Protein backbone atom coordinates (compact mmCIF):
# COMPACT_ATOMS: atom_id res chain seq x y z
CA MET A 1 -189.57 -20.57 -80.90
CA LYS A 2 -186.32 -21.59 -82.61
CA PHE A 3 -186.09 -24.49 -80.15
CA PHE A 4 -188.97 -26.21 -81.94
CA ASN A 5 -187.04 -26.09 -85.23
CA THR A 6 -185.05 -29.01 -83.82
CA PHE A 7 -188.14 -31.18 -83.94
CA ASP A 8 -189.03 -29.99 -87.45
CA VAL A 9 -185.57 -30.68 -88.85
CA ALA A 10 -185.24 -34.10 -87.21
CA SER A 11 -188.73 -35.16 -88.28
CA SER A 12 -188.06 -34.08 -91.87
CA GLY A 13 -184.90 -36.21 -91.79
CA MET A 14 -186.87 -39.17 -90.47
CA THR A 15 -189.46 -38.76 -93.22
CA ALA A 16 -186.79 -38.53 -95.92
CA GLN A 17 -184.98 -41.61 -94.61
CA ARG A 18 -188.25 -43.57 -94.50
CA LYS A 19 -188.91 -42.70 -98.15
CA MET A 20 -185.35 -43.68 -99.06
CA MET A 21 -185.85 -47.03 -97.31
CA ASP A 22 -189.09 -47.52 -99.30
CA ILE A 23 -187.25 -46.88 -102.56
CA THR A 24 -184.40 -49.19 -101.57
CA SER A 25 -186.81 -51.97 -100.62
CA ALA A 26 -188.54 -51.60 -104.01
CA ASN A 27 -185.14 -51.96 -105.68
CA ILE A 28 -184.40 -55.10 -103.68
CA ALA A 29 -187.83 -56.56 -104.44
CA ASN A 30 -187.26 -56.08 -108.19
CA VAL A 31 -183.70 -57.42 -108.35
CA ASN A 32 -184.83 -60.21 -110.71
CA THR A 33 -187.60 -58.40 -112.66
CA THR A 34 -186.60 -58.84 -116.30
CA GLU A 35 -189.68 -57.23 -117.82
CA THR A 36 -191.71 -54.22 -116.71
CA VAL A 37 -194.78 -52.65 -118.30
CA ASP A 38 -192.66 -50.95 -120.97
CA GLY A 39 -190.94 -54.26 -121.84
CA THR A 40 -187.52 -53.45 -120.38
CA PRO A 41 -185.92 -54.78 -117.20
CA TYR A 42 -186.52 -52.91 -113.98
CA ARG A 43 -184.29 -49.85 -113.54
CA ARG A 44 -182.91 -49.02 -110.12
CA MET A 45 -184.63 -46.01 -108.58
CA VAL A 46 -182.77 -43.27 -106.69
CA ALA A 47 -184.22 -40.67 -104.32
CA VAL A 48 -183.48 -37.00 -104.95
CA VAL A 49 -183.03 -35.29 -101.57
CA ASP A 50 -182.91 -31.52 -101.25
CA GLN A 51 -183.14 -28.84 -98.59
CA LYS A 52 -186.72 -28.20 -97.60
CA GLN A 53 -187.97 -24.87 -98.85
CA ILE A 54 -189.48 -22.62 -96.21
CA GLY A 55 -192.79 -20.94 -96.82
CA ASP A 56 -193.44 -17.20 -96.98
CA TRP A 57 -195.00 -17.08 -93.53
CA GLN A 58 -191.94 -18.79 -92.04
CA GLU A 59 -189.65 -16.21 -93.63
CA GLU A 60 -191.74 -13.41 -92.13
CA PHE A 61 -191.74 -15.12 -88.75
CA ALA A 62 -187.95 -15.55 -88.86
CA ALA A 63 -187.55 -11.86 -89.76
CA CYS A 64 -189.50 -10.91 -86.60
CA SER A 65 -187.50 -13.17 -84.28
CA PHE A 66 -185.18 -11.78 -81.63
CA ASP A 67 -181.99 -13.25 -83.10
CA GLU A 68 -181.97 -12.30 -86.77
CA SER A 69 -178.37 -13.43 -87.28
CA ALA A 70 -179.22 -17.06 -86.54
CA PRO A 71 -179.89 -19.10 -89.68
CA THR A 72 -183.28 -20.72 -89.90
CA ALA A 73 -183.01 -24.50 -90.12
CA THR A 74 -185.33 -26.01 -92.69
CA GLY A 75 -184.61 -29.73 -92.86
CA VAL A 76 -184.69 -31.98 -95.92
CA GLU A 77 -187.24 -33.52 -98.22
CA VAL A 78 -187.36 -36.07 -101.01
CA THR A 79 -188.15 -33.94 -104.05
CA GLY A 80 -188.35 -36.77 -106.53
CA VAL A 81 -187.41 -40.26 -107.59
CA GLU A 82 -185.26 -40.83 -110.66
CA ALA A 83 -184.28 -43.93 -112.58
CA ASP A 84 -180.61 -44.92 -112.56
CA ASN A 85 -179.64 -45.00 -116.24
CA SER A 86 -176.56 -47.17 -115.81
CA ASP A 87 -176.34 -50.24 -118.04
CA PHE A 88 -178.24 -53.40 -117.19
CA ARG A 89 -176.47 -56.47 -115.83
CA TRP A 90 -176.05 -58.99 -118.63
CA VAL A 91 -176.33 -62.66 -117.67
CA TYR A 92 -175.44 -65.39 -120.15
CA ASP A 93 -178.44 -67.73 -120.52
CA PRO A 94 -179.12 -68.59 -124.18
CA SER A 95 -181.99 -70.95 -123.25
CA ASN A 96 -183.97 -68.12 -121.62
CA PRO A 97 -186.79 -66.78 -123.84
CA LYS A 98 -185.73 -63.22 -122.88
CA ALA A 99 -182.18 -63.77 -124.20
CA GLN A 100 -181.00 -61.48 -126.99
CA LYS A 101 -181.23 -63.22 -130.36
CA GLU A 102 -178.60 -61.11 -132.13
CA GLY A 103 -176.14 -58.30 -131.61
CA GLU A 104 -173.29 -57.82 -129.18
CA HIS A 105 -175.31 -59.34 -126.30
CA LYS A 106 -176.42 -62.46 -128.20
CA GLY A 107 -177.41 -65.16 -125.71
CA TYR A 108 -177.44 -62.74 -122.78
CA VAL A 109 -180.45 -61.74 -120.70
CA ALA A 110 -180.75 -58.12 -119.57
CA MET A 111 -181.20 -58.06 -115.80
CA PRO A 112 -182.01 -55.04 -113.62
CA ASN A 113 -179.13 -52.70 -112.77
CA VAL A 114 -179.69 -53.36 -109.06
CA ASN A 115 -176.67 -54.37 -106.98
CA ILE A 116 -178.00 -56.13 -103.89
CA ILE A 117 -174.88 -55.28 -101.85
CA SER A 118 -175.22 -51.56 -102.61
CA GLU A 119 -178.91 -51.67 -101.80
CA MET A 120 -178.33 -53.38 -98.46
CA THR A 121 -175.65 -50.81 -97.67
CA ASN A 122 -178.11 -48.02 -98.54
CA MET A 123 -180.75 -49.67 -96.35
CA ILE A 124 -178.37 -49.81 -93.37
CA GLN A 125 -177.31 -46.20 -93.94
CA ALA A 126 -180.93 -45.00 -94.09
CA SER A 127 -181.78 -47.02 -90.98
CA ARG A 128 -178.89 -45.51 -89.03
CA ALA A 129 -179.75 -41.98 -90.18
CA PHE A 130 -183.36 -42.55 -89.11
CA GLU A 131 -182.15 -43.74 -85.69
CA ALA A 132 -179.88 -40.70 -85.37
CA ASN A 133 -182.78 -38.34 -86.09
CA ALA A 134 -184.95 -40.21 -83.58
CA THR A 135 -182.20 -39.75 -81.00
CA VAL A 136 -182.15 -36.01 -81.73
CA VAL A 137 -185.92 -35.85 -81.11
CA GLU A 138 -185.55 -37.74 -77.81
CA SER A 139 -182.66 -35.51 -76.70
CA ALA A 140 -184.55 -32.33 -77.57
CA LYS A 141 -187.57 -33.63 -75.67
CA SER A 142 -185.37 -34.38 -72.66
CA ILE A 143 -183.84 -30.89 -72.80
CA ALA A 144 -187.31 -29.35 -72.97
CA MET A 145 -188.45 -31.36 -69.96
CA LYS A 146 -185.39 -30.28 -67.96
CA ALA A 147 -186.04 -26.64 -68.91
CA LEU A 148 -189.59 -26.96 -67.64
CA GLU A 149 -188.33 -28.44 -64.37
CA ILE A 150 -186.01 -25.46 -63.90
CA GLY A 151 -189.00 -23.12 -64.23
CA LYS A 152 -190.81 -24.75 -61.28
């Protein structure tokens, strides 16, 4: 049964990378959003990825397996989305109605803290990780098919 963990782990990775790509695309879409519902510029969002927690029944099943020394692979999951609290980008544009009227940023407009180059890099990284997990699924499927052929 441990063979099927390969599919579980790879599919969890694919799901996590898809969610990360969704978050990155939202960041890119809001690169010029100077005002959100709360009146502040858009804040870059970051995915929180953690090891997937196994359920009680899976722990019991692993305890009954033949090879108890082998660690049980669990995969990953996106456990949350957090705002990046780094400072906004400040663009000098005193004619803009959103420009600061006084203070240290007088004449500057607060822009989202989204760096388009970083976001595109994150998008490429997530895309490659997704492809790698898809390759793992295809390889595991091929190995399973070869094992079935041996049994003929």
